[in-house]
N, C-alpha and C. Protein backbone atom coordinates (compact mmCIF):
# COMPACT_ATOMS: atom_id res chain seq x y z
N MET A 1 4.92 -41.45 14.28
CA MET A 1 5.00 -42.73 14.98
C MET A 1 6.18 -42.70 15.96
N VAL A 2 5.93 -43.13 17.15
CA VAL A 2 6.95 -43.13 18.20
C VAL A 2 7.80 -44.39 18.09
N ASN A 3 9.11 -44.22 18.17
CA ASN A 3 10.02 -45.35 18.23
C ASN A 3 10.18 -45.71 19.71
N TRP A 4 9.34 -46.63 20.19
CA TRP A 4 9.32 -46.95 21.62
C TRP A 4 10.62 -47.56 22.11
N ALA A 5 11.39 -48.20 21.25
CA ALA A 5 12.67 -48.80 21.65
C ALA A 5 13.68 -47.72 22.04
N ARG A 6 13.52 -46.51 21.52
CA ARG A 6 14.45 -45.41 21.81
C ARG A 6 13.80 -44.30 22.63
N PHE A 7 12.57 -44.49 23.04
CA PHE A 7 11.81 -43.45 23.75
C PHE A 7 12.32 -43.24 25.17
N THR A 8 12.53 -41.98 25.53
CA THR A 8 12.86 -41.60 26.90
C THR A 8 11.96 -40.44 27.30
N PRO A 9 11.10 -40.64 28.28
CA PRO A 9 10.21 -39.55 28.70
C PRO A 9 11.00 -38.37 29.25
N VAL A 10 10.52 -37.16 28.98
CA VAL A 10 11.15 -35.95 29.50
C VAL A 10 10.59 -35.61 30.87
N ASP A 11 9.29 -35.82 31.05
CA ASP A 11 8.63 -35.50 32.31
C ASP A 11 7.34 -36.31 32.41
N PHE A 12 6.76 -36.32 33.62
CA PHE A 12 5.52 -37.04 33.86
C PHE A 12 4.50 -36.12 34.50
N GLU A 13 3.22 -36.33 34.15
CA GLU A 13 2.10 -35.63 34.77
C GLU A 13 1.16 -36.68 35.36
N TYR A 14 0.47 -36.28 36.43
CA TYR A 14 -0.50 -37.18 37.05
C TYR A 14 -1.47 -36.35 37.87
N ASP A 15 -2.74 -36.73 37.87
CA ASP A 15 -3.77 -36.05 38.66
C ASP A 15 -3.82 -36.70 40.04
N PHE A 16 -3.04 -36.14 40.98
CA PHE A 16 -2.96 -36.72 42.32
C PHE A 16 -4.27 -36.57 43.09
N GLU A 17 -5.11 -35.60 42.71
CA GLU A 17 -6.38 -35.42 43.40
C GLU A 17 -7.35 -36.57 43.11
N ARG A 18 -7.32 -37.10 41.89
CA ARG A 18 -8.19 -38.23 41.54
C ARG A 18 -7.57 -39.56 41.94
N ASP A 19 -6.27 -39.67 41.89
CA ASP A 19 -5.45 -40.84 42.28
C ASP A 19 -6.04 -42.18 41.86
N GLU A 20 -6.14 -42.36 40.55
CA GLU A 20 -6.60 -43.64 39.99
C GLU A 20 -5.63 -44.77 40.32
N LEU A 21 -4.34 -44.48 40.38
CA LEU A 21 -3.35 -45.51 40.71
C LEU A 21 -3.59 -46.05 42.12
N GLY A 22 -3.81 -45.14 43.06
CA GLY A 22 -3.98 -45.53 44.46
C GLY A 22 -5.14 -46.48 44.66
N SER A 23 -6.19 -46.32 43.85
CA SER A 23 -7.33 -47.22 43.99
C SER A 23 -6.98 -48.65 43.57
N HIS A 24 -5.87 -48.80 42.84
CA HIS A 24 -5.40 -50.13 42.42
C HIS A 24 -4.15 -50.56 43.19
N LYS A 25 -3.84 -49.81 44.26
CA LYS A 25 -2.67 -50.10 45.12
C LYS A 25 -1.35 -50.05 44.34
N VAL A 26 -1.26 -49.04 43.46
CA VAL A 26 -0.04 -48.78 42.70
C VAL A 26 0.38 -47.35 43.01
N THR A 27 1.67 -47.12 43.23
CA THR A 27 2.15 -45.76 43.49
C THR A 27 2.56 -45.09 42.18
N PHE A 28 2.58 -43.77 42.20
CA PHE A 28 3.03 -43.00 41.06
C PHE A 28 4.47 -43.39 40.71
N GLU A 29 5.31 -43.55 41.72
CA GLU A 29 6.72 -43.92 41.50
C GLU A 29 6.84 -45.26 40.79
N GLU A 30 6.01 -46.23 41.17
CA GLU A 30 6.03 -47.54 40.51
C GLU A 30 5.65 -47.40 39.04
N ALA A 31 4.64 -46.60 38.75
CA ALA A 31 4.21 -46.41 37.36
C ALA A 31 5.34 -45.79 36.54
N VAL A 32 6.03 -44.80 37.10
CA VAL A 32 7.14 -44.15 36.41
C VAL A 32 8.28 -45.14 36.16
N GLU A 33 8.59 -45.98 37.15
CA GLU A 33 9.67 -46.96 37.01
C GLU A 33 9.48 -47.85 35.78
N CYS A 34 8.25 -48.16 35.44
CA CYS A 34 7.97 -49.06 34.32
C CYS A 34 8.44 -48.47 32.98
N PHE A 35 8.57 -47.15 32.89
CA PHE A 35 9.03 -46.51 31.66
C PHE A 35 10.54 -46.63 31.46
N PHE A 36 11.25 -47.10 32.49
CA PHE A 36 12.70 -47.19 32.42
C PHE A 36 13.22 -48.62 32.55
N SER A 37 12.32 -49.57 32.36
CA SER A 37 12.71 -50.98 32.35
C SER A 37 12.18 -51.57 31.04
N GLY A 38 12.40 -52.82 30.83
CA GLY A 38 11.87 -53.45 29.62
C GLY A 38 10.36 -53.34 29.60
N PHE A 39 9.80 -52.82 28.55
CA PHE A 39 8.35 -52.66 28.49
C PHE A 39 7.85 -52.93 27.09
N GLU A 40 6.54 -53.12 27.01
CA GLU A 40 5.84 -53.31 25.73
C GLU A 40 4.73 -52.26 25.68
N ILE A 41 4.54 -51.66 24.52
CA ILE A 41 3.50 -50.64 24.34
C ILE A 41 2.44 -51.16 23.37
N ARG A 42 1.20 -50.93 23.73
CA ARG A 42 0.06 -51.26 22.85
C ARG A 42 -0.83 -50.03 22.75
N ARG A 43 -1.52 -49.91 21.63
CA ARG A 43 -2.53 -48.86 21.50
C ARG A 43 -3.70 -49.22 22.40
N ASN A 44 -4.34 -48.22 22.95
CA ASN A 44 -5.52 -48.43 23.76
C ASN A 44 -6.73 -48.53 22.83
N LYS A 45 -7.50 -49.58 22.93
CA LYS A 45 -8.63 -49.79 22.03
C LYS A 45 -9.79 -48.82 22.29
N SER A 46 -9.97 -48.42 23.53
CA SER A 46 -11.10 -47.57 23.88
C SER A 46 -10.86 -46.09 23.57
N TYR A 47 -9.62 -45.63 23.71
CA TYR A 47 -9.28 -44.23 23.50
C TYR A 47 -8.12 -44.13 22.53
N LYS A 48 -8.33 -43.46 21.42
CA LYS A 48 -7.30 -43.39 20.37
C LYS A 48 -6.05 -42.62 20.79
N ASP A 49 -6.19 -41.71 21.78
CA ASP A 49 -5.03 -40.90 22.18
C ASP A 49 -4.29 -41.49 23.38
N ARG A 50 -4.59 -42.73 23.75
CA ARG A 50 -3.96 -43.37 24.91
C ARG A 50 -3.24 -44.65 24.52
N TYR A 51 -2.30 -45.02 25.38
CA TYR A 51 -1.50 -46.22 25.18
C TYR A 51 -1.54 -47.08 26.44
N GLN A 52 -1.23 -48.36 26.27
CA GLN A 52 -1.06 -49.29 27.39
C GLN A 52 0.41 -49.67 27.44
N LEU A 53 1.01 -49.53 28.60
CA LEU A 53 2.38 -49.97 28.81
C LEU A 53 2.34 -51.19 29.71
N LEU A 54 2.97 -52.26 29.30
CA LEU A 54 3.13 -53.46 30.13
C LEU A 54 4.59 -53.49 30.54
N GLY A 55 4.85 -53.35 31.83
CA GLY A 55 6.24 -53.27 32.27
C GLY A 55 6.43 -53.77 33.69
N ARG A 56 7.65 -53.54 34.20
CA ARG A 56 8.02 -53.98 35.55
C ARG A 56 8.60 -52.82 36.34
N THR A 57 8.34 -52.86 37.63
CA THR A 57 8.96 -51.89 38.52
C THR A 57 10.38 -52.35 38.82
N VAL A 58 11.14 -51.52 39.52
CA VAL A 58 12.49 -51.90 39.93
C VAL A 58 12.45 -53.15 40.81
N GLY A 59 11.40 -53.26 41.62
CA GLY A 59 11.24 -54.42 42.50
C GLY A 59 10.68 -55.66 41.80
N GLY A 60 10.39 -55.55 40.49
CA GLY A 60 9.93 -56.70 39.72
C GLY A 60 8.42 -56.85 39.62
N ARG A 61 7.68 -55.92 40.17
CA ARG A 61 6.22 -55.99 40.10
C ARG A 61 5.75 -55.68 38.68
N ARG A 62 4.92 -56.54 38.11
CA ARG A 62 4.41 -56.34 36.74
C ARG A 62 3.17 -55.46 36.79
N LEU A 63 3.18 -54.40 35.95
CA LEU A 63 2.07 -53.46 35.92
C LEU A 63 1.61 -53.18 34.50
N LYS A 64 0.34 -52.83 34.38
CA LYS A 64 -0.18 -52.24 33.15
C LYS A 64 -0.46 -50.79 33.47
N VAL A 65 0.09 -49.87 32.68
CA VAL A 65 -0.07 -48.43 32.91
C VAL A 65 -0.73 -47.83 31.68
N ILE A 66 -1.82 -47.09 31.89
CA ILE A 66 -2.51 -46.39 30.82
C ILE A 66 -2.01 -44.95 30.84
N PHE A 67 -1.61 -44.45 29.66
CA PHE A 67 -1.04 -43.10 29.61
C PHE A 67 -1.34 -42.42 28.28
N GLN A 68 -1.17 -41.10 28.29
CA GLN A 68 -1.21 -40.28 27.08
C GLN A 68 0.18 -39.74 26.84
N LEU A 69 0.58 -39.62 25.58
CA LEU A 69 1.85 -39.01 25.24
C LEU A 69 1.55 -37.60 24.75
N LYS A 70 2.08 -36.63 25.48
CA LYS A 70 1.84 -35.22 25.15
C LYS A 70 3.05 -34.67 24.39
N PRO A 71 2.89 -33.53 23.73
CA PRO A 71 4.02 -32.93 23.00
C PRO A 71 5.24 -32.75 23.90
N GLY A 72 6.42 -32.92 23.32
CA GLY A 72 7.66 -32.78 24.06
C GLY A 72 8.01 -34.01 24.87
N ASP A 73 7.44 -35.17 24.51
CA ASP A 73 7.70 -36.44 25.21
C ASP A 73 7.34 -36.39 26.69
N ILE A 74 6.25 -35.69 27.00
CA ILE A 74 5.72 -35.66 28.36
C ILE A 74 4.64 -36.74 28.46
N VAL A 75 4.75 -37.56 29.48
CA VAL A 75 3.83 -38.66 29.70
C VAL A 75 2.82 -38.28 30.77
N ARG A 76 1.54 -38.36 30.43
CA ARG A 76 0.47 -38.15 31.40
C ARG A 76 -0.06 -39.52 31.80
N ILE A 77 0.26 -39.93 33.01
CA ILE A 77 -0.19 -41.22 33.53
C ILE A 77 -1.65 -41.07 33.97
N ILE A 78 -2.49 -42.00 33.50
CA ILE A 78 -3.91 -41.95 33.81
C ILE A 78 -4.26 -42.94 34.91
N THR A 79 -3.86 -44.19 34.75
CA THR A 79 -4.12 -45.21 35.76
C THR A 79 -3.18 -46.39 35.52
N GLY A 80 -3.24 -47.35 36.39
CA GLY A 80 -2.43 -48.56 36.27
C GLY A 80 -2.85 -49.58 37.30
N TRP A 81 -2.49 -50.83 37.04
CA TRP A 81 -2.84 -51.90 37.96
C TRP A 81 -1.88 -53.06 37.79
N PRO A 82 -1.77 -53.91 38.82
CA PRO A 82 -0.90 -55.09 38.72
C PRO A 82 -1.46 -56.09 37.70
N ILE A 83 -0.56 -56.79 37.03
CA ILE A 83 -0.97 -57.86 36.12
C ILE A 83 -0.27 -59.14 36.48
């Protein structure tokens, strides 16, 4: 079980060729910023190996980011959208 209150990602992965974030007008940088501000984590109901992060960018934009946590605290960002 991950202690999200103390979690610090080591690195991030993203499939820039598919660019799911771009289709929702969210940048990769904005999605990453949400991991370093106050956030809430929920399990993803559809996929057992994915999580939902509800957070804010540095500019204050509220986002939901769907991600997988890989070994070594590497975060694979799948998609995200404004909330």
